[in-house]
């Protein structure tokens, strides 16, 4: 009987970029819905406050004090920034997962994705606040949970959508080495 174990050492396997982009869009949508819902319930703030905070990244701090704080332009800017960041983060996560074979099971992917989401939360709300200080107001467990869920959803979707090379192609490529 042969026991198969997965090695989580660095490999040169590239990620499935298409799956990563789709995972980023899906996880970004889940994050947006959960984040807005939790922030409104936890802080009592308007559900449109988080999109304004996101739009302020490219439109400037004036968006936060603007009397037109809920204009279509601000919402479009928020969605553009949010989904661009979600896709970039999912691409980074997929690169990590493929490079270390962390996509070997759904359980491993969820664990890695959740840890990645928590790391993104810490970077966003404790590191990036130097450049975007208004995000310090959103430091709370709801934001942390939304980020952890983002990472887990991105990882799960990536594993489900990923097109892996068939076992015969892997064996042929290792025979050539």
N, C-alpha and C. Protein backbone atom coordinates (compact mmCIF):
# COMPACT_ATOMS: atom_id res chain seq x y z
N UNK A 1 0.85 -1.18 0.00
CA UNK A 1 0.00 0.00 0.00
C UNK A 1 0.89 1.23 0.00
N UNK A 2 0.59 2.13 -0.88
CA UNK A 2 1.38 3.35 -1.01
C UNK A 2 0.64 4.50 -0.36
N UNK A 3 1.33 5.25 0.46
CA UNK A 3 0.73 6.39 1.14
C UNK A 3 1.12 7.66 0.40
N UNK A 4 0.12 8.41 -0.04
CA UNK A 4 0.39 9.66 -0.75
C UNK A 4 0.29 10.82 0.22
N UNK A 5 1.35 11.56 0.33
CA UNK A 5 1.32 12.77 1.14
C UNK A 5 1.68 13.93 0.24
N UNK A 6 1.12 15.05 0.54
CA UNK A 6 1.40 16.24 -0.25
C UNK A 6 2.52 17.03 0.41
N UNK A 7 3.48 17.39 -0.40
CA UNK A 7 4.58 18.20 0.10
C UNK A 7 4.21 19.67 -0.12
N UNK A 8 4.41 20.46 0.88
CA UNK A 8 4.09 21.87 0.75
C UNK A 8 5.36 22.69 0.61
N UNK A 9 6.32 22.12 -0.12
CA UNK A 9 7.55 22.84 -0.42
C UNK A 9 7.36 23.62 -1.70
N UNK A 10 8.23 24.58 -1.93
CA UNK A 10 8.14 25.42 -3.11
C UNK A 10 8.27 24.60 -4.38
N UNK A 11 7.36 24.81 -5.32
CA UNK A 11 7.43 24.17 -6.64
C UNK A 11 7.38 25.27 -7.69
N UNK A 12 7.60 24.89 -8.91
CA UNK A 12 7.58 25.87 -10.00
C UNK A 12 6.27 25.81 -10.78
N UNK A 13 5.23 25.34 -10.16
CA UNK A 13 3.93 25.21 -10.81
C UNK A 13 3.23 26.57 -10.84
N UNK A 14 2.91 27.06 -12.02
CA UNK A 14 2.20 28.35 -12.07
C UNK A 14 0.73 28.18 -11.71
N UNK A 15 0.13 29.21 -11.16
CA UNK A 15 -1.31 29.13 -10.83
C UNK A 15 -2.16 29.23 -12.08
N UNK A 16 -3.41 28.90 -11.93
CA UNK A 16 -4.39 29.06 -13.00
C UNK A 16 -4.92 30.50 -12.87
N UNK A 17 -4.42 31.37 -13.71
CA UNK A 17 -4.74 32.80 -13.60
C UNK A 17 -6.22 33.07 -13.81
N UNK A 18 -6.84 32.32 -14.73
CA UNK A 18 -8.27 32.51 -14.99
C UNK A 18 -9.08 32.20 -13.73
N UNK A 19 -8.76 31.10 -13.08
CA UNK A 19 -9.46 30.71 -11.85
C UNK A 19 -9.23 31.75 -10.77
N UNK A 20 -8.02 32.31 -10.71
CA UNK A 20 -7.71 33.31 -9.69
C UNK A 20 -8.53 34.58 -9.88
N UNK A 21 -8.68 35.02 -11.13
CA UNK A 21 -9.48 36.23 -11.40
C UNK A 21 -10.94 36.00 -11.02
N UNK A 22 -11.48 34.86 -11.43
CA UNK A 22 -12.88 34.55 -11.08
C UNK A 22 -13.05 34.41 -9.58
N UNK A 23 -12.07 33.82 -8.91
CA UNK A 23 -12.13 33.70 -7.45
C UNK A 23 -12.09 35.08 -6.81
N UNK A 24 -11.28 35.99 -7.36
CA UNK A 24 -11.20 37.35 -6.83
C UNK A 24 -12.51 38.10 -6.96
N UNK A 25 -13.16 37.97 -8.09
CA UNK A 25 -14.45 38.64 -8.29
C UNK A 25 -15.50 38.08 -7.34
N UNK A 26 -15.54 36.75 -7.22
CA UNK A 26 -16.52 36.11 -6.33
C UNK A 26 -16.27 36.49 -4.87
N UNK A 27 -15.01 36.38 -4.44
CA UNK A 27 -14.68 36.71 -3.06
C UNK A 27 -14.87 38.20 -2.79
N UNK A 28 -14.59 39.03 -3.79
CA UNK A 28 -14.81 40.48 -3.64
C UNK A 28 -16.28 40.80 -3.43
N UNK A 29 -17.16 40.11 -4.16
CA UNK A 29 -18.60 40.33 -3.99
C UNK A 29 -19.05 39.85 -2.61
N UNK A 30 -18.56 38.69 -2.19
CA UNK A 30 -18.92 38.18 -0.85
C UNK A 30 -18.44 39.13 0.23
N UNK A 31 -17.21 39.62 0.08
CA UNK A 31 -16.65 40.56 1.05
C UNK A 31 -17.48 41.84 1.12
N UNK A 32 -17.83 42.36 -0.03
CA UNK A 32 -18.59 43.61 -0.07
C UNK A 32 -19.93 43.46 0.64
N UNK A 33 -20.65 42.40 0.34
CA UNK A 33 -21.95 42.19 0.97
C UNK A 33 -21.82 41.95 2.48
N UNK A 34 -20.92 41.07 2.86
CA UNK A 34 -20.73 40.77 4.27
C UNK A 34 -20.18 41.98 5.02
N UNK A 35 -19.21 42.65 4.42
CA UNK A 35 -18.59 43.82 5.07
C UNK A 35 -19.59 44.93 5.33
N UNK A 36 -20.39 45.25 4.34
CA UNK A 36 -21.38 46.32 4.49
C UNK A 36 -22.42 45.93 5.54
N UNK A 37 -22.87 44.68 5.49
CA UNK A 37 -23.86 44.21 6.46
C UNK A 37 -23.31 44.24 7.88
N UNK A 38 -22.12 43.67 8.08
CA UNK A 38 -21.54 43.63 9.43
C UNK A 38 -21.21 45.02 9.95
N UNK A 39 -20.65 45.87 9.09
CA UNK A 39 -20.30 47.22 9.54
C UNK A 39 -21.55 47.99 9.95
N UNK A 40 -22.62 47.84 9.21
CA UNK A 40 -23.86 48.54 9.55
C UNK A 40 -24.42 48.00 10.88
N UNK A 41 -24.35 46.69 11.08
CA UNK A 41 -24.88 46.10 12.31
C UNK A 41 -24.00 46.40 13.52
N UNK A 42 -22.68 46.35 13.34
CA UNK A 42 -21.75 46.53 14.46
C UNK A 42 -21.61 47.99 14.86
N UNK A 43 -21.44 48.86 13.88
CA UNK A 43 -21.17 50.26 14.20
C UNK A 43 -22.41 51.14 14.09
N UNK A 44 -23.45 50.64 13.46
CA UNK A 44 -24.63 51.46 13.24
C UNK A 44 -24.44 52.49 12.14
N UNK A 45 -23.32 52.39 11.44
CA UNK A 45 -23.02 53.34 10.36
C UNK A 45 -23.87 53.03 9.13
N UNK A 46 -23.90 53.97 8.24
CA UNK A 46 -24.62 53.78 6.99
C UNK A 46 -23.93 52.70 6.16
N UNK A 47 -24.70 51.87 5.46
CA UNK A 47 -24.09 50.86 4.60
C UNK A 47 -23.26 51.46 3.47
N UNK A 48 -23.45 52.73 3.20
CA UNK A 48 -22.68 53.38 2.14
C UNK A 48 -21.36 53.98 2.63
N UNK A 49 -21.10 53.92 3.93
CA UNK A 49 -19.83 54.45 4.45
C UNK A 49 -18.62 53.66 3.95
N UNK A 50 -18.65 52.30 3.99
CA UNK A 50 -17.48 51.57 3.49
C UNK A 50 -17.16 51.86 2.01
N UNK A 51 -18.15 51.91 1.12
CA UNK A 51 -17.81 52.26 -0.26
C UNK A 51 -17.19 53.67 -0.38
N UNK A 52 -17.66 54.61 0.42
CA UNK A 52 -17.06 55.96 0.40
C UNK A 52 -15.60 55.90 0.84
N UNK A 53 -15.33 55.11 1.87
CA UNK A 53 -13.96 54.98 2.36
C UNK A 53 -13.06 54.38 1.28
N UNK A 54 -13.59 53.42 0.55
CA UNK A 54 -12.82 52.78 -0.53
C UNK A 54 -12.61 53.76 -1.67
N UNK A 55 -13.65 54.49 -2.05
CA UNK A 55 -13.53 55.46 -3.14
C UNK A 55 -12.52 56.56 -2.81
N UNK A 56 -12.40 56.89 -1.54
CA UNK A 56 -11.47 57.94 -1.12
C UNK A 56 -10.01 57.57 -1.40
N UNK A 57 -9.75 56.30 -1.60
CA UNK A 57 -8.39 55.87 -1.93
C UNK A 57 -7.93 56.54 -3.22
N UNK A 58 -8.81 56.63 -4.22
CA UNK A 58 -8.40 57.25 -5.49
C UNK A 58 -8.98 58.65 -5.68
N UNK A 59 -10.10 58.95 -5.03
CA UNK A 59 -10.71 60.27 -5.22
C UNK A 59 -10.27 61.29 -4.18
N UNK A 60 -9.61 60.83 -3.13
CA UNK A 60 -9.14 61.74 -2.10
C UNK A 60 -10.06 61.81 -0.91
N UNK A 61 -9.51 62.34 0.15
CA UNK A 61 -10.20 62.41 1.44
C UNK A 61 -11.47 63.27 1.40
N UNK A 62 -11.54 64.20 0.46
CA UNK A 62 -12.70 65.08 0.33
C UNK A 62 -14.00 64.32 0.13
N UNK A 63 -13.93 63.11 -0.43
CA UNK A 63 -15.12 62.29 -0.64
C UNK A 63 -15.79 61.99 0.69
N UNK A 64 -15.01 61.87 1.74
CA UNK A 64 -15.56 61.53 3.04
C UNK A 64 -16.37 62.68 3.64
N UNK A 65 -16.02 63.92 3.31
CA UNK A 65 -16.75 65.07 3.84
C UNK A 65 -17.70 65.70 2.83
N UNK A 66 -17.70 65.17 1.63
CA UNK A 66 -18.50 65.74 0.55
C UNK A 66 -19.99 65.63 0.83
N UNK A 67 -20.73 66.69 0.43
CA UNK A 67 -22.19 66.63 0.56
C UNK A 67 -22.77 65.66 -0.45
N UNK A 68 -22.01 65.38 -1.53
CA UNK A 68 -22.44 64.41 -2.53
C UNK A 68 -21.79 63.06 -2.25
N UNK A 69 -21.78 62.66 -1.03
CA UNK A 69 -21.05 61.45 -0.65
C UNK A 69 -21.64 60.16 -1.21
N UNK A 70 -22.82 60.23 -1.82
CA UNK A 70 -23.41 59.02 -2.36
C UNK A 70 -23.70 59.15 -3.85
N UNK A 71 -22.86 59.84 -4.57
CA UNK A 71 -23.07 60.00 -6.00
C UNK A 71 -22.69 58.74 -6.76
N UNK A 72 -23.19 58.62 -7.97
CA UNK A 72 -22.91 57.46 -8.81
C UNK A 72 -21.41 57.36 -9.09
N UNK A 73 -20.74 58.48 -9.28
CA UNK A 73 -19.30 58.48 -9.54
C UNK A 73 -18.51 57.90 -8.38
N UNK A 74 -18.92 58.21 -7.18
CA UNK A 74 -18.24 57.69 -5.99
C UNK A 74 -18.47 56.18 -5.88
N UNK A 75 -19.68 55.74 -6.14
CA UNK A 75 -19.98 54.31 -6.07
C UNK A 75 -19.21 53.55 -7.15
N UNK A 76 -19.12 54.08 -8.35
CA UNK A 76 -18.36 53.44 -9.43
C UNK A 76 -16.87 53.37 -9.06
N UNK A 77 -16.34 54.46 -8.52
CA UNK A 77 -14.93 54.47 -8.10
C UNK A 77 -14.69 53.42 -7.01
N UNK A 78 -15.62 53.33 -6.07
CA UNK A 78 -15.48 52.35 -4.98
C UNK A 78 -15.48 50.93 -5.54
N UNK A 79 -16.40 50.63 -6.45
CA UNK A 79 -16.44 49.30 -7.04
C UNK A 79 -15.18 49.01 -7.85
N UNK A 80 -14.70 49.98 -8.60
CA UNK A 80 -13.49 49.77 -9.41
C UNK A 80 -12.29 49.45 -8.51
N UNK A 81 -12.10 50.25 -7.47
CA UNK A 81 -10.97 50.02 -6.55
C UNK A 81 -11.14 48.69 -5.83
N UNK A 82 -12.33 48.46 -5.30
CA UNK A 82 -12.58 47.25 -4.53
C UNK A 82 -12.33 45.99 -5.35
N UNK A 83 -12.90 45.91 -6.54
CA UNK A 83 -12.74 44.69 -7.33
C UNK A 83 -11.34 44.56 -7.92
N UNK A 84 -10.69 45.67 -8.23
CA UNK A 84 -9.29 45.58 -8.68
C UNK A 84 -8.42 45.00 -7.56
N UNK A 85 -8.61 45.50 -6.34
CA UNK A 85 -7.84 44.98 -5.21
C UNK A 85 -8.19 43.51 -4.93
N UNK A 86 -9.46 43.15 -5.03
CA UNK A 86 -9.87 41.77 -4.79
C UNK A 86 -9.22 40.83 -5.79
N UNK A 87 -9.16 41.23 -7.04
CA UNK A 87 -8.54 40.39 -8.07
C UNK A 87 -7.04 40.28 -7.83
N UNK A 88 -6.38 41.39 -7.54
CA UNK A 88 -4.93 41.36 -7.27
C UNK A 88 -4.63 40.47 -6.07
N UNK A 89 -5.40 40.61 -5.01
CA UNK A 89 -5.18 39.78 -3.82
C UNK A 89 -5.44 38.30 -4.11
N UNK A 90 -6.45 37.99 -4.89
CA UNK A 90 -6.71 36.59 -5.26
C UNK A 90 -5.59 36.05 -6.14
N UNK A 91 -5.03 36.89 -7.00
CA UNK A 91 -3.89 36.45 -7.82
C UNK A 91 -2.68 36.13 -6.93
N UNK A 92 -2.43 36.97 -5.94
CA UNK A 92 -1.33 36.72 -5.00
C UNK A 92 -1.58 35.44 -4.22
N UNK A 93 -2.81 35.27 -3.73
CA UNK A 93 -3.16 34.06 -2.99
C UNK A 93 -2.99 32.81 -3.87
N UNK A 94 -3.44 32.87 -5.11
CA UNK A 94 -3.31 31.71 -6.00
C UNK A 94 -1.86 31.39 -6.29
N UNK A 95 -1.02 32.41 -6.40
CA UNK A 95 0.41 32.19 -6.62
C UNK A 95 1.03 31.47 -5.42
N UNK A 96 0.66 31.89 -4.22
CA UNK A 96 1.15 31.23 -3.01
C UNK A 96 0.65 29.79 -2.94
N UNK A 97 -0.64 29.60 -3.21
CA UNK A 97 -1.23 28.27 -3.11
C UNK A 97 -0.62 27.30 -4.12
N UNK A 98 -0.46 27.74 -5.37
CA UNK A 98 0.10 26.86 -6.40
C UNK A 98 1.58 26.60 -6.15
N UNK A 99 2.31 27.62 -5.74
CA UNK A 99 3.75 27.48 -5.53
C UNK A 99 4.10 26.51 -4.41
N UNK A 100 3.23 26.38 -3.42
CA UNK A 100 3.50 25.51 -2.28
C UNK A 100 2.52 24.33 -2.20
N UNK A 101 1.80 24.06 -3.30
CA UNK A 101 0.81 22.97 -3.37
C UNK A 101 -0.20 23.04 -2.22
N UNK A 102 -0.59 24.24 -1.87
CA UNK A 102 -1.57 24.43 -0.79
C UNK A 102 -2.99 24.29 -1.31
N UNK A 103 -3.12 23.99 -2.60
CA UNK A 103 -4.42 23.75 -3.20
C UNK A 103 -4.69 22.24 -3.29
N UNK A 104 -4.00 21.46 -2.47
CA UNK A 104 -4.13 20.00 -2.49
C UNK A 104 -5.46 19.51 -1.93
N UNK A 105 -6.09 20.32 -1.09
CA UNK A 105 -7.41 19.95 -0.55
C UNK A 105 -8.18 21.22 -0.22
N UNK A 106 -9.49 21.08 -0.14
CA UNK A 106 -10.34 22.23 0.20
C UNK A 106 -10.04 22.71 1.62
N UNK A 107 -9.84 21.77 2.54
CA UNK A 107 -9.55 22.14 3.93
C UNK A 107 -8.28 22.97 4.04
N UNK A 108 -7.22 22.53 3.36
CA UNK A 108 -5.96 23.27 3.38
C UNK A 108 -6.16 24.64 2.74
N UNK A 109 -6.89 24.68 1.64
CA UNK A 109 -7.13 25.96 0.95
C UNK A 109 -7.89 26.92 1.86
N UNK A 110 -8.91 26.43 2.57
CA UNK A 110 -9.68 27.30 3.46
C UNK A 110 -8.81 27.84 4.59
N UNK A 111 -7.96 27.00 5.14
CA UNK A 111 -7.06 27.43 6.20
C UNK A 111 -6.09 28.49 5.70
N UNK A 112 -5.48 28.25 4.57
CA UNK A 112 -4.53 29.20 3.99
C UNK A 112 -5.26 30.49 3.59
N UNK A 113 -6.43 30.35 3.00
CA UNK A 113 -7.19 31.53 2.59
C UNK A 113 -7.61 32.38 3.77
N UNK A 114 -8.06 31.75 4.85
CA UNK A 114 -8.44 32.50 6.05
C UNK A 114 -7.25 33.23 6.65
N UNK A 115 -6.10 32.55 6.71
CA UNK A 115 -4.89 33.18 7.24
C UNK A 115 -4.45 34.34 6.34
N UNK A 116 -4.57 34.15 5.04
CA UNK A 116 -4.24 35.21 4.08
C UNK A 116 -5.17 36.41 4.29
N UNK A 117 -6.46 36.15 4.46
CA UNK A 117 -7.43 37.23 4.69
C UNK A 117 -7.11 38.00 5.96
N UNK A 118 -6.72 37.29 7.02
CA UNK A 118 -6.34 37.95 8.27
C UNK A 118 -5.09 38.81 8.06
N UNK A 119 -4.13 38.30 7.31
CA UNK A 119 -2.92 39.08 7.01
C UNK A 119 -3.26 40.35 6.23
N UNK A 120 -4.18 40.22 5.27
CA UNK A 120 -4.61 41.40 4.49
C UNK A 120 -5.28 42.41 5.41
N UNK A 121 -6.12 41.94 6.34
CA UNK A 121 -6.76 42.84 7.29
C UNK A 121 -5.71 43.61 8.09
N UNK A 122 -4.72 42.90 8.61
CA UNK A 122 -3.68 43.55 9.42
C UNK A 122 -2.90 44.57 8.61
N UNK A 123 -2.57 44.22 7.37
CA UNK A 123 -1.85 45.15 6.50
C UNK A 123 -2.72 46.37 6.19
N UNK A 124 -3.98 46.12 5.83
CA UNK A 124 -4.88 47.23 5.46
C UNK A 124 -5.17 48.17 6.62
N UNK A 125 -5.50 47.61 7.78
CA UNK A 125 -6.00 48.43 8.87
C UNK A 125 -4.95 48.86 9.88
N UNK A 126 -3.72 48.33 9.75
CA UNK A 126 -2.66 48.75 10.66
C UNK A 126 -1.44 49.27 9.91
N UNK A 127 -1.27 48.86 8.66
CA UNK A 127 -0.14 49.34 7.88
C UNK A 127 -0.52 50.47 6.92
N UNK A 128 -1.59 50.23 6.16
CA UNK A 128 -1.99 51.20 5.14
C UNK A 128 -2.68 52.43 5.72
N UNK A 129 -3.00 52.40 7.00
CA UNK A 129 -3.63 53.58 7.60
C UNK A 129 -2.66 54.75 7.67
N UNK A 130 -1.41 54.48 7.46
CA UNK A 130 -0.43 55.57 7.37
C UNK A 130 -0.75 56.46 6.15
N UNK A 131 -1.19 55.82 5.08
CA UNK A 131 -1.53 56.53 3.85
C UNK A 131 -3.01 56.89 3.76
N UNK A 132 -3.84 56.05 4.36
CA UNK A 132 -5.29 56.24 4.33
C UNK A 132 -5.83 56.17 5.75
N UNK A 133 -5.63 57.24 6.53
CA UNK A 133 -5.95 57.19 7.97
C UNK A 133 -7.42 56.96 8.29
N UNK A 134 -8.31 57.21 7.37
CA UNK A 134 -9.73 57.03 7.66
C UNK A 134 -10.10 55.55 7.86
N UNK A 135 -9.26 54.63 7.44
CA UNK A 135 -9.55 53.22 7.65
C UNK A 135 -9.34 52.80 9.10
N UNK A 136 -8.65 53.61 9.89
CA UNK A 136 -8.48 53.28 11.32
C UNK A 136 -9.83 53.23 12.02
N UNK A 137 -10.80 54.01 11.53
CA UNK A 137 -12.14 54.01 12.12
C UNK A 137 -12.84 52.66 11.97
N UNK A 138 -12.42 51.89 10.98
CA UNK A 138 -13.08 50.61 10.69
C UNK A 138 -12.34 49.41 11.28
N UNK A 139 -11.41 49.66 12.20
CA UNK A 139 -10.71 48.55 12.87
C UNK A 139 -11.67 47.92 13.88
N UNK A 140 -12.17 46.76 13.56
CA UNK A 140 -13.04 46.04 14.49
C UNK A 140 -13.14 44.59 14.06
N UNK A 141 -13.81 43.80 14.88
CA UNK A 141 -13.91 42.37 14.58
C UNK A 141 -14.70 42.12 13.31
N UNK A 142 -15.64 42.99 12.97
CA UNK A 142 -16.45 42.79 11.77
C UNK A 142 -15.59 42.90 10.52
N UNK A 143 -14.68 43.87 10.50
CA UNK A 143 -13.78 44.00 9.36
C UNK A 143 -12.84 42.81 9.27
N UNK A 144 -12.36 42.35 10.42
CA UNK A 144 -11.47 41.18 10.44
C UNK A 144 -12.20 39.94 9.91
N UNK A 145 -13.42 39.73 10.36
CA UNK A 145 -14.20 38.58 9.90
C UNK A 145 -14.44 38.66 8.39
N UNK A 146 -14.79 39.84 7.90
CA UNK A 146 -15.04 40.00 6.46
C UNK A 146 -13.77 39.68 5.65
N UNK A 147 -12.61 40.07 6.15
CA UNK A 147 -11.35 39.77 5.46
C UNK A 147 -11.03 38.28 5.50
N UNK A 148 -11.27 37.65 6.64
CA UNK A 148 -11.02 36.21 6.75
C UNK A 148 -11.95 35.45 5.79
N UNK A 149 -13.20 35.85 5.74
CA UNK A 149 -14.16 35.23 4.82
C UNK A 149 -13.72 35.48 3.38
N UNK A 150 -13.25 36.68 3.07
CA UNK A 150 -12.75 36.97 1.71
C UNK A 150 -11.67 35.97 1.33
N UNK A 151 -10.67 35.80 2.20
CA UNK A 151 -9.58 34.88 1.90
C UNK A 151 -10.05 33.45 1.73
N UNK A 152 -10.95 33.01 2.60
CA UNK A 152 -11.47 31.64 2.53
C UNK A 152 -12.28 31.43 1.25
N UNK A 153 -13.13 32.40 0.90
CA UNK A 153 -13.92 32.28 -0.33
C UNK A 153 -13.01 32.29 -1.55
N UNK A 154 -12.02 33.17 -1.57
CA UNK A 154 -11.09 33.24 -2.71
C UNK A 154 -10.35 31.91 -2.86
N UNK A 155 -9.87 31.36 -1.77
CA UNK A 155 -9.14 30.09 -1.83
C UNK A 155 -10.05 28.95 -2.27
N UNK A 156 -11.25 28.89 -1.70
CA UNK A 156 -12.19 27.84 -2.05
C UNK A 156 -12.58 27.91 -3.53
N UNK A 157 -12.90 29.10 -3.99
CA UNK A 157 -13.28 29.26 -5.40
C UNK A 157 -12.11 28.93 -6.32
N UNK A 158 -10.90 29.32 -5.91
CA UNK A 158 -9.73 29.00 -6.73
C UNK A 158 -9.57 27.49 -6.87
N UNK A 159 -9.66 26.75 -5.77
CA UNK A 159 -9.51 25.30 -5.81
C UNK A 159 -10.61 24.68 -6.67
N UNK A 160 -11.82 25.19 -6.57
CA UNK A 160 -12.94 24.62 -7.33
C UNK A 160 -12.83 24.93 -8.83
N UNK A 161 -12.28 26.09 -9.18
CA UNK A 161 -12.21 26.50 -10.58
C UNK A 161 -10.89 26.17 -11.27
N UNK A 162 -9.90 25.84 -10.47
CA UNK A 162 -8.55 25.61 -10.99
C UNK A 162 -8.53 24.44 -11.98
N UNK A 163 -7.85 24.67 -13.09
CA UNK A 163 -7.62 23.61 -14.08
C UNK A 163 -6.22 23.08 -13.86
N UNK A 164 -6.13 21.92 -13.26
CA UNK A 164 -4.83 21.30 -13.00
C UNK A 164 -4.46 20.42 -14.18
N UNK A 165 -3.16 20.30 -14.40
CA UNK A 165 -2.69 19.41 -15.46
C UNK A 165 -3.04 17.98 -15.10
N UNK A 166 -3.45 17.18 -16.08
CA UNK A 166 -3.76 15.78 -15.79
C UNK A 166 -2.53 15.05 -15.25
N UNK A 167 -2.74 13.99 -14.49
CA UNK A 167 -1.64 13.25 -13.88
C UNK A 167 -0.65 12.74 -14.92
N UNK A 168 -1.15 12.34 -16.11
CA UNK A 168 -0.25 11.84 -17.15
C UNK A 168 0.68 12.93 -17.64
N UNK A 169 0.19 14.18 -17.72
CA UNK A 169 1.04 15.29 -18.16
C UNK A 169 2.10 15.60 -17.11
N UNK A 170 1.74 15.47 -15.83
CA UNK A 170 2.71 15.69 -14.76
C UNK A 170 3.80 14.63 -14.81
N UNK A 171 3.40 13.37 -15.06
CA UNK A 171 4.38 12.28 -15.11
C UNK A 171 5.32 12.46 -16.29
N UNK A 172 4.78 12.90 -17.44
CA UNK A 172 5.62 13.13 -18.62
C UNK A 172 6.62 14.25 -18.36
N UNK A 173 6.18 15.33 -17.71
CA UNK A 173 7.08 16.45 -17.47
C UNK A 173 8.17 16.07 -16.46
N UNK A 174 7.86 15.20 -15.49
CA UNK A 174 8.88 14.79 -14.53
C UNK A 174 9.84 13.79 -15.16
N UNK A 175 9.37 13.00 -16.16
CA UNK A 175 10.26 12.08 -16.88
C UNK A 175 11.28 12.83 -17.72
N UNK A 176 10.90 13.99 -18.22
CA UNK A 176 11.81 14.80 -19.05
C UNK A 176 12.89 15.47 -18.23
N UNK A 177 12.64 15.67 -16.95
CA UNK A 177 13.59 16.39 -16.08
C UNK A 177 14.83 15.62 -15.82
